[in-house]
Structures are given as structure tokens and as C-alpha cells.
Amino acid sequence: MVPTRREEEIERRLEEILERYRPLLRAAISRACPPDLGIAIDDVEQEARLRIWRALREATEIRHPASYLYKVAASATLDAVRRATTLRASRRSEVAVEMLEETEGPVERAAAIAPDRLAEQRQLLERARRELGALEPDRRRAVGLHLQGFTPGEIAPLLGWSEPKARSLVYRGLAELRARLAELAAVEERET
């Protein structure tokens, strides 16, 4: 199939932009990509190129290429991080389920917990969710990820923070969550 004049113009413009700004694109991806997630920078760069090509194909005028490429690099990197962390969280869930299944079957687990105890655990979990939602947004995000099994070292690059900041938000958020839950328990105990 012979490329049309428009397709040739798009390819020419893409090569022109990439020739001039490829180092900026790669540097932006390298800086934003967390090293411990196993994300291939070349794959993210390829995704960014594809996004630029699509933008040109859709007749998007790129007035400030350096700024535009930086945004594309950040967006492609963030999407790659989301995919990697979703995959990692999925693997952790699978391992936890496998560990539970190895120890005892679902029937044995359900039979081992009395109905009133099960209801109590569900109420406690619902209270914890409500109180987690009441935390300040940064603490809520940090604690939420921590409760999913992420370490402060893994949370930091996901949210664009330093590791000390992530660690501090996790620990302070957990302390606040514990205090809120203890206060609720004390109020309930006084009422009964």
C-alpha cells in the first residue's frame, strides 16, 4: 500500500520532532520511571512515540514540542506504572489466596468463624473504611496503598513523593486511623 501525501507529511513531522527532542523524551521517561517496578524504558518511549504519532494523525497542532513531549512522556510513564502496580497487586492477591487455600478450604474457614464474630468483623471493617475515608487525602492514599501491601519505598514513586514523606504519611495516617477507631470503640462501649 502506497502512503498518501498526508501520511508522508505525518511521518516527516514525527521524525522531525523526534530527531530534535528524543533526548528530552527519554530523559523525562527515565526520571519519572521508578526503577523497582521492572518497567522497560524503551517500551514507555515507544508508547510515547505512538501517542505523538496519533496526535499528529488527528491533526493536533503541536505548538510547543518540548512541553508537549514532556507531558506525553509523563502520561505514558504514569500509565506504565499503573499497569505494573496493578499487576503487582494482582500477584500479591493471588499469593494470599493460594496461601489461604493451602491451609484450609473455604468451608472449613467459614465454619471456624461463628456468625456473630463474622458480623462483628464486617462491622469493624466497614468502620475502618469510613474512618480511612475521613483522613486527609495524602494520608488516605498512603495508608490505602499500605493496607494493600505496598511498602513506603514502593508508595513514594507511585505518588511522586520522597520515601521519607511516604513513610511519614503511612505511619501518621495509621496512627490517626487507630486513634479514630479507638475513639469509636470507646463511644460505643459507653453507649452500651
N, C-alpha and C. Protein backbone atom coordinates (compact mmCIF):
# COMPACT_ATOMS: atom_id res chain seq x y z
N MET A 1 0.85 -1.17 0.00
CA MET A 1 0.00 0.00 0.00
C MET A 1 0.90 1.25 0.00
N VAL A 2 0.63 2.13 -0.87
CA VAL A 2 1.42 3.35 -1.03
C VAL A 2 0.89 4.41 -0.06
N PRO A 3 1.79 5.00 0.75
CA PRO A 3 1.34 6.03 1.69
C PRO A 3 0.82 7.26 0.96
N THR A 4 -0.21 7.86 1.54
CA THR A 4 -0.76 9.08 0.95
C THR A 4 0.14 10.25 1.30
N ARG A 5 -0.14 11.34 0.66
CA ARG A 5 0.65 12.55 0.91
C ARG A 5 0.53 12.98 2.38
N ARG A 6 -0.68 12.88 2.92
CA ARG A 6 -0.91 13.25 4.32
C ARG A 6 -0.11 12.33 5.24
N GLU A 7 -0.11 11.02 5.00
CA GLU A 7 0.65 10.08 5.82
C GLU A 7 2.14 10.36 5.75
N GLU A 8 2.62 10.72 4.57
CA GLU A 8 4.04 11.07 4.42
C GLU A 8 4.37 12.32 5.22
N GLU A 9 3.45 13.29 5.22
CA GLU A 9 3.66 14.53 5.97
C GLU A 9 3.68 14.25 7.48
N ILE A 10 2.78 13.37 7.93
CA ILE A 10 2.75 13.00 9.35
C ILE A 10 4.05 12.32 9.74
N GLU A 11 4.52 11.37 8.93
CA GLU A 11 5.78 10.67 9.21
C GLU A 11 6.96 11.64 9.24
N ARG A 12 6.98 12.58 8.29
CA ARG A 12 8.05 13.57 8.24
C ARG A 12 8.05 14.43 9.50
N ARG A 13 6.86 14.90 9.89
CA ARG A 13 6.74 15.76 11.08
C ARG A 13 7.14 14.99 12.35
N LEU A 14 6.71 13.73 12.42
CA LEU A 14 7.06 12.90 13.57
C LEU A 14 8.57 12.73 13.68
N GLU A 15 9.21 12.38 12.58
CA GLU A 15 10.67 12.21 12.58
C GLU A 15 11.38 13.51 12.92
N GLU A 16 10.85 14.61 12.43
CA GLU A 16 11.44 15.92 12.71
C GLU A 16 11.39 16.21 14.22
N ILE A 17 10.23 15.97 14.83
CA ILE A 17 10.06 16.22 16.27
C ILE A 17 10.96 15.28 17.08
N LEU A 18 10.94 13.99 16.72
CA LEU A 18 11.72 13.02 17.48
C LEU A 18 13.22 13.24 17.32
N GLU A 19 13.64 13.63 16.14
CA GLU A 19 15.07 13.88 15.94
C GLU A 19 15.56 15.00 16.85
N ARG A 20 14.74 16.00 17.00
CA ARG A 20 15.16 17.15 17.80
C ARG A 20 14.96 16.91 19.31
N TYR A 21 13.87 16.22 19.68
CA TYR A 21 13.50 16.14 21.09
C TYR A 21 13.62 14.74 21.70
N ARG A 22 14.15 13.76 21.00
CA ARG A 22 14.27 12.41 21.54
C ARG A 22 15.03 12.37 22.87
N PRO A 23 16.16 13.09 23.01
CA PRO A 23 16.86 13.06 24.31
C PRO A 23 15.99 13.58 25.46
N LEU A 24 15.21 14.62 25.20
CA LEU A 24 14.32 15.17 26.22
C LEU A 24 13.25 14.13 26.58
N LEU A 25 12.68 13.48 25.58
CA LEU A 25 11.65 12.47 25.79
C LEU A 25 12.20 11.33 26.66
N ARG A 26 13.34 10.83 26.28
CA ARG A 26 13.94 9.70 27.01
C ARG A 26 14.33 10.10 28.44
N ALA A 27 14.88 11.29 28.60
CA ALA A 27 15.27 11.77 29.93
C ALA A 27 14.05 11.94 30.83
N ALA A 28 12.97 12.47 30.28
CA ALA A 28 11.75 12.66 31.08
C ALA A 28 11.19 11.31 31.54
N ILE A 29 11.22 10.33 30.65
CA ILE A 29 10.72 8.99 31.00
C ILE A 29 11.64 8.36 32.04
N SER A 30 12.94 8.48 31.84
CA SER A 30 13.91 7.88 32.78
C SER A 30 13.77 8.45 34.18
N ARG A 31 13.56 9.77 34.26
CA ARG A 31 13.42 10.41 35.57
C ARG A 31 12.13 9.98 36.27
N ALA A 32 11.06 9.83 35.52
CA ALA A 32 9.75 9.55 36.12
C ALA A 32 9.51 8.07 36.38
N CYS A 33 10.28 7.20 35.75
CA CYS A 33 10.04 5.76 35.84
C CYS A 33 10.71 5.17 37.08
N PRO A 34 9.93 4.63 38.03
CA PRO A 34 10.54 4.03 39.22
C PRO A 34 11.39 2.82 38.84
N PRO A 35 12.59 2.73 39.37
CA PRO A 35 13.49 1.64 38.97
C PRO A 35 13.09 0.26 39.49
N ASP A 36 12.30 0.21 40.56
CA ASP A 36 12.00 -1.08 41.19
C ASP A 36 10.74 -1.77 40.69
N LEU A 37 10.10 -1.24 39.64
CA LEU A 37 8.88 -1.86 39.14
C LEU A 37 9.11 -2.73 37.91
N GLY A 38 10.34 -2.74 37.40
CA GLY A 38 10.64 -3.58 36.25
C GLY A 38 10.05 -3.07 34.94
N ILE A 39 9.85 -1.79 34.84
CA ILE A 39 9.28 -1.20 33.63
C ILE A 39 10.42 -0.92 32.66
N ALA A 40 10.26 -1.36 31.40
CA ALA A 40 11.27 -1.12 30.38
C ALA A 40 11.09 0.29 29.81
N ILE A 41 12.11 1.10 29.96
CA ILE A 41 12.04 2.49 29.47
C ILE A 41 11.81 2.52 27.97
N ASP A 42 12.39 1.57 27.24
CA ASP A 42 12.18 1.52 25.79
C ASP A 42 10.71 1.32 25.45
N ASP A 43 10.01 0.51 26.23
CA ASP A 43 8.58 0.28 25.98
C ASP A 43 7.77 1.55 26.22
N VAL A 44 8.10 2.26 27.28
CA VAL A 44 7.40 3.51 27.58
C VAL A 44 7.69 4.54 26.49
N GLU A 45 8.94 4.59 26.04
CA GLU A 45 9.30 5.52 24.97
C GLU A 45 8.53 5.20 23.68
N GLN A 46 8.39 3.92 23.37
CA GLN A 46 7.64 3.51 22.19
C GLN A 46 6.17 3.93 22.31
N GLU A 47 5.60 3.76 23.51
CA GLU A 47 4.22 4.18 23.74
C GLU A 47 4.09 5.69 23.57
N ALA A 48 5.05 6.44 24.05
CA ALA A 48 5.03 7.91 23.89
C ALA A 48 5.11 8.29 22.42
N ARG A 49 5.97 7.62 21.66
CA ARG A 49 6.06 7.90 20.21
C ARG A 49 4.73 7.63 19.52
N LEU A 50 4.09 6.55 19.91
CA LEU A 50 2.80 6.19 19.32
C LEU A 50 1.76 7.27 19.63
N ARG A 51 1.78 7.78 20.83
CA ARG A 51 0.84 8.85 21.21
C ARG A 51 1.09 10.12 20.41
N ILE A 52 2.35 10.42 20.17
CA ILE A 52 2.68 11.61 19.37
C ILE A 52 2.20 11.41 17.94
N TRP A 53 2.45 10.22 17.40
CA TRP A 53 2.00 9.91 16.04
C TRP A 53 0.49 10.04 15.93
N ARG A 54 -0.24 9.52 16.91
CA ARG A 54 -1.71 9.63 16.90
C ARG A 54 -2.16 11.09 16.93
N ALA A 55 -1.49 11.87 17.76
CA ALA A 55 -1.84 13.29 17.85
C ALA A 55 -1.63 13.98 16.50
N LEU A 56 -0.54 13.67 15.85
CA LEU A 56 -0.28 14.26 14.53
C LEU A 56 -1.31 13.77 13.51
N ARG A 57 -1.64 12.50 13.57
CA ARG A 57 -2.62 11.93 12.65
C ARG A 57 -4.00 12.58 12.84
N GLU A 58 -4.32 12.93 14.08
CA GLU A 58 -5.61 13.58 14.37
C GLU A 58 -5.55 15.09 14.16
N ALA A 59 -4.49 15.54 13.53
CA ALA A 59 -4.29 16.95 13.17
C ALA A 59 -4.15 17.86 14.38
N THR A 60 -3.61 17.33 15.46
CA THR A 60 -3.32 18.15 16.63
C THR A 60 -2.10 19.00 16.31
N GLU A 61 -2.24 20.29 16.52
CA GLU A 61 -1.11 21.18 16.27
C GLU A 61 -0.24 21.21 17.52
N ILE A 62 1.00 20.88 17.34
CA ILE A 62 1.94 20.85 18.47
C ILE A 62 2.76 22.13 18.40
N ARG A 63 2.31 23.13 19.14
CA ARG A 63 2.95 24.45 19.09
C ARG A 63 4.24 24.50 19.89
N HIS A 64 4.26 23.81 21.03
CA HIS A 64 5.43 23.81 21.91
C HIS A 64 5.87 22.36 22.09
N PRO A 65 6.66 21.85 21.15
CA PRO A 65 7.00 20.42 21.16
C PRO A 65 7.67 19.95 22.45
N ALA A 66 8.58 20.73 23.00
CA ALA A 66 9.28 20.28 24.22
C ALA A 66 8.28 20.07 25.36
N SER A 67 7.40 21.02 25.56
CA SER A 67 6.40 20.92 26.62
C SER A 67 5.43 19.77 26.34
N TYR A 68 5.01 19.65 25.08
CA TYR A 68 4.07 18.59 24.70
C TYR A 68 4.70 17.21 24.91
N LEU A 69 5.94 17.04 24.50
CA LEU A 69 6.61 15.76 24.66
C LEU A 69 6.83 15.41 26.13
N TYR A 70 7.10 16.41 26.93
CA TYR A 70 7.26 16.16 28.36
C TYR A 70 5.95 15.63 28.95
N LYS A 71 4.82 16.25 28.56
CA LYS A 71 3.52 15.80 29.06
C LYS A 71 3.21 14.40 28.57
N VAL A 72 3.52 14.11 27.31
CA VAL A 72 3.29 12.77 26.76
C VAL A 72 4.16 11.75 27.51
N ALA A 73 5.41 12.10 27.77
CA ALA A 73 6.31 11.20 28.49
C ALA A 73 5.78 10.92 29.89
N ALA A 74 5.33 11.96 30.58
CA ALA A 74 4.79 11.78 31.94
C ALA A 74 3.53 10.91 31.91
N SER A 75 2.67 11.15 30.97
CA SER A 75 1.43 10.38 30.86
C SER A 75 1.70 8.91 30.53
N ALA A 76 2.58 8.66 29.58
CA ALA A 76 2.91 7.27 29.21
C ALA A 76 3.58 6.55 30.38
N THR A 77 4.45 7.25 31.10
CA THR A 77 5.12 6.65 32.26
C THR A 77 4.12 6.34 33.36
N LEU A 78 3.22 7.27 33.64
CA LEU A 78 2.21 7.05 34.67
C LEU A 78 1.34 5.85 34.33
N ASP A 79 0.94 5.73 33.07
CA ASP A 79 0.14 4.58 32.65
C ASP A 79 0.92 3.27 32.82
N ALA A 80 2.20 3.28 32.50
CA ALA A 80 3.03 2.08 32.68
C ALA A 80 3.16 1.72 34.15
N VAL A 81 3.31 2.72 35.01
CA VAL A 81 3.40 2.49 36.46
C VAL A 81 2.09 1.90 36.97
N ARG A 82 0.97 2.44 36.51
CA ARG A 82 -0.34 1.91 36.93
C ARG A 82 -0.48 0.45 36.52
N ARG A 83 -0.10 0.15 35.28
CA ARG A 83 -0.19 -1.25 34.82
C ARG A 83 0.70 -2.15 35.67
N ALA A 84 1.91 -1.70 35.94
CA ALA A 84 2.86 -2.52 36.72
C ALA A 84 2.37 -2.72 38.15
N THR A 85 1.84 -1.67 38.77
CA THR A 85 1.38 -1.81 40.16
C THR A 85 0.11 -2.63 40.24
N THR A 86 -0.76 -2.50 39.25
CA THR A 86 -1.97 -3.33 39.21
C THR A 86 -1.59 -4.79 39.09
N LEU A 87 -0.63 -5.07 38.23
CA LEU A 87 -0.15 -6.43 38.05
C LEU A 87 0.48 -6.94 39.34
N ARG A 88 1.28 -6.11 39.99
CA ARG A 88 1.94 -6.50 41.24
C ARG A 88 0.91 -6.76 42.33
N ALA A 89 -0.11 -5.88 42.45
CA ALA A 89 -1.15 -6.07 43.46
C ALA A 89 -1.95 -7.34 43.16
N SER A 90 -2.20 -7.60 41.89
CA SER A 90 -2.92 -8.80 41.49
C SER A 90 -2.13 -10.05 41.89
N ARG A 91 -0.84 -10.01 41.65
CA ARG A 91 0.01 -11.15 42.03
C ARG A 91 0.00 -11.36 43.54
N ARG A 92 0.04 -10.26 44.30
CA ARG A 92 0.01 -10.38 45.76
C ARG A 92 -1.30 -11.00 46.22
N SER A 93 -2.40 -10.58 45.60
CA SER A 93 -3.71 -11.14 45.96
C SER A 93 -3.75 -12.63 45.66
N GLU A 94 -3.21 -13.01 44.50
CA GLU A 94 -3.19 -14.42 44.12
C GLU A 94 -2.38 -15.24 45.12
N VAL A 95 -1.25 -14.72 45.54
CA VAL A 95 -0.42 -15.43 46.51
C VAL A 95 -1.16 -15.57 47.83
N ALA A 96 -1.82 -14.51 48.28
CA ALA A 96 -2.56 -14.57 49.55
C ALA A 96 -3.68 -15.60 49.46
N VAL A 97 -4.40 -15.61 48.35
CA VAL A 97 -5.47 -16.59 48.18
C VAL A 97 -4.90 -17.99 48.16
N GLU A 98 -3.79 -18.19 47.46
CA GLU A 98 -3.16 -19.52 47.42
C GLU A 98 -2.76 -19.96 48.82
N MET A 99 -2.21 -19.04 49.61
CA MET A 99 -1.79 -19.40 50.96
C MET A 99 -3.00 -19.80 51.81
N LEU A 100 -4.11 -19.09 51.67
CA LEU A 100 -5.31 -19.45 52.42
C LEU A 100 -5.83 -20.81 51.99
N GLU A 101 -5.82 -21.04 50.68
CA GLU A 101 -6.34 -22.30 50.17
C GLU A 101 -5.48 -23.48 50.60
N GLU A 102 -4.19 -23.25 50.75
CA GLU A 102 -3.29 -24.32 51.17
C GLU A 102 -3.54 -24.74 52.61
N THR A 103 -3.93 -23.78 53.46
CA THR A 103 -4.11 -24.11 54.87
C THR A 103 -5.43 -24.78 55.15
N GLU A 104 -6.50 -24.27 54.57
CA GLU A 104 -7.80 -24.90 54.78
C GLU A 104 -8.77 -24.43 53.71
N GLY A 105 -9.76 -25.19 53.45
CA GLY A 105 -10.74 -24.87 52.42
C GLY A 105 -11.72 -23.81 52.89
N PRO A 106 -12.49 -23.22 51.96
CA PRO A 106 -13.43 -22.16 52.32
C PRO A 106 -14.51 -22.64 53.30
N VAL A 107 -14.94 -23.89 53.19
CA VAL A 107 -15.98 -24.39 54.09
C VAL A 107 -15.44 -24.45 55.51
N GLU A 108 -14.21 -24.96 55.66
CA GLU A 108 -13.61 -25.05 56.99
C GLU A 108 -13.40 -23.66 57.59
N ARG A 109 -12.96 -22.70 56.76
CA ARG A 109 -12.74 -21.35 57.27
C ARG A 109 -14.06 -20.73 57.73
N ALA A 110 -15.11 -20.87 56.93
CA ALA A 110 -16.40 -20.29 57.28
C ALA A 110 -16.97 -20.94 58.53
N ALA A 111 -16.81 -22.26 58.65
CA ALA A 111 -17.34 -22.98 59.80
C ALA A 111 -16.58 -22.61 61.07
N ALA A 112 -15.31 -22.24 60.93
CA ALA A 112 -14.49 -21.93 62.10
C ALA A 112 -14.85 -20.59 62.72
N ILE A 113 -15.53 -19.74 61.98
CA ILE A 113 -15.89 -18.41 62.48
C ILE A 113 -17.38 -18.40 62.81
N ALA A 114 -17.68 -18.08 64.04
CA ALA A 114 -19.08 -18.02 64.46
C ALA A 114 -19.77 -16.87 63.74
N PRO A 115 -21.06 -17.00 63.43
CA PRO A 115 -21.78 -15.95 62.70
C PRO A 115 -21.71 -14.59 63.37
N ASP A 116 -21.83 -14.56 64.71
CA ASP A 116 -21.78 -13.26 65.38
C ASP A 116 -20.39 -12.64 65.28
N ARG A 117 -19.36 -13.47 65.34
CA ARG A 117 -17.97 -12.99 65.19
C ARG A 117 -17.74 -12.47 63.78
N LEU A 118 -18.28 -13.16 62.77
CA LEU A 118 -18.16 -12.75 61.39
C LEU A 118 -18.84 -11.40 61.17
N ALA A 119 -20.02 -11.22 61.74
CA ALA A 119 -20.76 -9.94 61.64
C ALA A 119 -19.96 -8.82 62.31
N GLU A 120 -19.36 -9.14 63.45
CA GLU A 120 -18.55 -8.15 64.18
C GLU A 120 -17.33 -7.73 63.34
N GLN A 121 -16.69 -8.71 62.70
CA GLN A 121 -15.53 -8.40 61.85
C GLN A 121 -15.94 -7.52 60.67
N ARG A 122 -17.09 -7.81 60.08
CA ARG A 122 -17.57 -7.00 58.94
C ARG A 122 -17.86 -5.56 59.38
N GLN A 123 -18.46 -5.40 60.56
CA GLN A 123 -18.74 -4.06 61.07
C GLN A 123 -17.43 -3.29 61.31
N LEU A 124 -16.46 -3.97 61.89
CA LEU A 124 -15.16 -3.34 62.14
C LEU A 124 -14.51 -2.92 60.83
N LEU A 125 -14.56 -3.77 59.82
CA LEU A 125 -14.00 -3.45 58.52
C LEU A 125 -14.71 -2.24 57.90
N GLU A 126 -16.02 -2.18 58.03
CA GLU A 126 -16.77 -1.04 57.48
C GLU A 126 -16.41 0.25 58.22
N ARG A 127 -16.27 0.18 59.54
CA ARG A 127 -15.84 1.35 60.31
C ARG A 127 -14.47 1.83 59.86
N ALA A 128 -13.56 0.87 59.68
CA ALA A 128 -12.20 1.21 59.24
C ALA A 128 -12.23 1.90 57.88
N ARG A 129 -13.07 1.40 56.97
CA ARG A 129 -13.18 2.04 55.64
C ARG A 129 -13.70 3.47 55.77
N ARG A 130 -14.72 3.67 56.61
CA ARG A 130 -15.27 5.01 56.79
C ARG A 130 -14.21 5.96 57.36
N GLU A 131 -13.51 5.48 58.39
CA GLU A 131 -12.51 6.32 59.04
C GLU A 131 -11.32 6.57 58.11
N LEU A 132 -10.97 5.61 57.30
CA LEU A 132 -9.91 5.81 56.32
C LEU A 132 -10.31 6.92 55.35
N GLY A 133 -11.57 6.93 54.94
CA GLY A 133 -12.07 7.97 54.04
C GLY A 133 -12.06 9.35 54.65
N ALA A 134 -12.05 9.42 55.98
CA ALA A 134 -12.06 10.72 56.66
C ALA A 134 -10.66 11.30 56.84
N LEU A 135 -9.62 10.52 56.54
CA LEU A 135 -8.26 11.02 56.68
C LEU A 135 -7.96 12.09 55.62
N GLU A 136 -6.99 12.92 55.89
CA GLU A 136 -6.52 13.93 54.93
C GLU A 136 -6.08 13.18 53.66
N PRO A 137 -6.32 13.73 52.45
CA PRO A 137 -6.12 12.99 51.19
C PRO A 137 -4.76 12.30 51.04
N ASP A 138 -3.65 12.97 51.34
CA ASP A 138 -2.35 12.34 51.18
C ASP A 138 -2.19 11.16 52.13
N ARG A 139 -2.64 11.33 53.37
CA ARG A 139 -2.57 10.22 54.33
C ARG A 139 -3.46 9.07 53.88
N ARG A 140 -4.65 9.41 53.40
CA ARG A 140 -5.59 8.38 52.95
C ARG A 140 -4.98 7.55 51.81
N ARG A 141 -4.36 8.22 50.84
CA ARG A 141 -3.74 7.49 49.73
C ARG A 141 -2.59 6.62 50.22
N ALA A 142 -1.75 7.18 51.08
CA ALA A 142 -0.59 6.43 51.57
C ALA A 142 -1.03 5.21 52.38
N VAL A 143 -1.98 5.41 53.30
CA VAL A 143 -2.45 4.30 54.13
C VAL A 143 -3.19 3.28 53.28
N GLY A 144 -4.00 3.75 52.33
CA GLY A 144 -4.73 2.83 51.45
C GLY A 144 -3.79 1.91 50.69
N LEU A 145 -2.71 2.48 50.14
CA LEU A 145 -1.73 1.65 49.44
C LEU A 145 -1.00 0.72 50.41
N HIS A 146 -0.69 1.23 51.59
CA HIS A 146 -0.01 0.40 52.60
C HIS A 146 -0.88 -0.80 52.98
N LEU A 147 -2.17 -0.56 53.15
CA LEU A 147 -3.08 -1.65 53.52
C LEU A 147 -3.25 -2.66 52.38
N GLN A 148 -2.91 -2.25 51.16
CA GLN A 148 -2.93 -3.18 50.02
C GLN A 148 -1.63 -3.96 49.92
N GLY A 149 -0.66 -3.64 50.79
CA GLY A 149 0.57 -4.40 50.83
C GLY A 149 1.79 -3.68 50.28
N PHE A 150 1.65 -2.41 49.91
CA PHE A 150 2.79 -1.67 49.38
C PHE A 150 3.63 -1.11 50.53
N THR A 151 4.93 -1.09 50.34
CA THR A 151 5.85 -0.52 51.33
C THR A 151 6.00 0.97 51.05
N PRO A 152 6.47 1.76 52.03
CA PRO A 152 6.71 3.18 51.76
C PRO A 152 7.67 3.39 50.58
N GLY A 153 8.64 2.49 50.41
CA GLY A 153 9.56 2.59 49.28
C GLY A 153 8.87 2.39 47.95
N GLU A 154 7.80 1.62 47.92
CA GLU A 154 7.03 1.42 46.69
C GLU A 154 6.00 2.53 46.50
N ILE A 155 5.47 3.05 47.59
CA ILE A 155 4.45 4.11 47.53
C ILE A 155 5.06 5.41 47.02
N ALA A 156 6.28 5.73 47.45
CA ALA A 156 6.91 7.00 47.10
C ALA A 156 6.93 7.27 45.60
N PRO A 157 7.47 6.39 44.77
CA PRO A 157 7.50 6.71 43.33
C PRO A 157 6.11 6.69 42.70
N LEU A 158 5.20 5.89 43.24
CA LEU A 158 3.84 5.85 42.69
C LEU A 158 3.14 7.20 42.82
N LEU A 159 3.38 7.85 43.95
CA LEU A 159 2.69 9.11 44.21
C LEU A 159 3.58 10.34 44.02
N GLY A 160 4.81 10.11 43.56
CA GLY A 160 5.72 11.23 43.29
C GLY A 160 6.27 11.88 44.54
N TRP A 161 6.43 11.11 45.59
CA TRP A 161 6.94 11.61 46.86
C TRP A 161 8.32 11.04 47.12
N SER A 162 8.99 11.62 48.12
CA SER A 162 10.23 11.02 48.60
C SER A 162 9.84 9.86 49.52
N GLU A 163 10.77 8.94 49.73
CA GLU A 163 10.47 7.81 50.61
C GLU A 163 10.20 8.26 52.04
N PRO A 164 10.97 9.23 52.59
CA PRO A 164 10.66 9.69 53.95
C PRO A 164 9.25 10.29 54.06
N LYS A 165 8.83 11.01 53.04
CA LYS A 165 7.48 11.59 53.06
C LYS A 165 6.44 10.47 53.06
N ALA A 166 6.63 9.47 52.19
CA ALA A 166 5.68 8.35 52.12
C ALA A 166 5.64 7.62 53.46
N ARG A 167 6.81 7.35 54.03
CA ARG A 167 6.89 6.64 55.31
C ARG A 167 6.16 7.43 56.40
N SER A 168 6.41 8.73 56.44
CA SER A 168 5.78 9.59 57.45
C SER A 168 4.26 9.59 57.29
N LEU A 169 3.79 9.72 56.05
CA LEU A 169 2.35 9.74 55.83
C LEU A 169 1.70 8.41 56.17
N VAL A 170 2.38 7.31 55.88
CA VAL A 170 1.85 5.99 56.24
C VAL A 170 1.75 5.87 57.76
N TYR A 171 2.84 6.16 58.46
CA TYR A 171 2.85 5.97 59.91
C TYR A 171 1.90 6.93 60.62
N ARG A 172 1.90 8.18 60.20
CA ARG A 172 0.97 9.14 60.83
C ARG A 172 -0.47 8.81 60.49
N GLY A 173 -0.69 8.39 59.25
CA GLY A 173 -2.05 8.01 58.85
C GLY A 173 -2.54 6.80 59.62
N LEU A 174 -1.67 5.80 59.79
CA LEU A 174 -2.06 4.61 60.57
C LEU A 174 -2.34 4.98 62.02
N ALA A 175 -1.50 5.85 62.58
CA ALA A 175 -1.71 6.28 63.97
C ALA A 175 -3.05 7.01 64.10
N GLU A 176 -3.35 7.88 63.14
CA GLU A 176 -4.62 8.60 63.18
C GLU A 176 -5.80 7.64 63.01
N LEU A 177 -5.65 6.68 62.11
CA LEU A 177 -6.72 5.70 61.89
C LEU A 177 -6.96 4.88 63.15
N ARG A 178 -5.88 4.43 63.79
CA ARG A 178 -6.02 3.67 65.05
C ARG A 178 -6.72 4.51 66.12
N ALA A 179 -6.33 5.78 66.22
CA ALA A 179 -6.92 6.66 67.23
C ALA A 179 -8.41 6.86 66.95
N ARG A 180 -8.77 7.04 65.70
CA ARG A 180 -10.18 7.22 65.34
C ARG A 180 -10.98 5.97 65.68
N LEU A 181 -10.43 4.81 65.36
CA LEU A 181 -11.12 3.55 65.64
C LEU A 181 -11.24 3.32 67.15
N ALA A 182 -10.20 3.66 67.89
CA ALA A 182 -10.24 3.50 69.35
C ALA A 182 -11.29 4.44 69.94
N GLU A 183 -11.37 5.65 69.42
CA GLU A 183 -12.36 6.61 69.90
C GLU A 183 -13.78 6.10 69.63
N LEU A 184 -14.00 5.56 68.44
CA LEU A 184 -15.31 4.99 68.11
C LEU A 184 -15.66 3.84 69.05
N ALA A 185 -14.68 2.98 69.31
CA ALA A 185 -14.90 1.84 70.20
C ALA A 185 -15.25 2.32 71.60
N ALA A 186 -14.57 3.36 72.07
CA ALA A 186 -14.83 3.91 73.41
C ALA A 186 -16.24 4.48 73.49
N VAL A 187 -16.66 5.20 72.45
CA VAL A 187 -18.01 5.78 72.40
C VAL A 187 -19.04 4.67 72.42
N GLU A 188 -18.85 3.63 71.64
CA GLU A 188 -19.79 2.51 71.58
C GLU A 188 -19.86 1.79 72.94
N GLU A 189 -18.72 1.66 73.58
CA GLU A 189 -18.68 0.98 74.88
C GLU A 189 -19.45 1.79 75.92
N ARG A 190 -19.31 3.13 75.90
CA ARG A 190 -20.05 3.99 76.85
C ARG A 190 -21.55 3.90 76.61
N GLU A 191 -21.94 3.76 75.34
CA GLU A 191 -23.36 3.71 74.98
C GLU A 191 -24.00 2.39 75.39
N THR A 192 -23.21 1.33 75.55
CA THR A 192 -23.80 0.02 75.91
C THR A 192 -23.78 -0.25 77.38
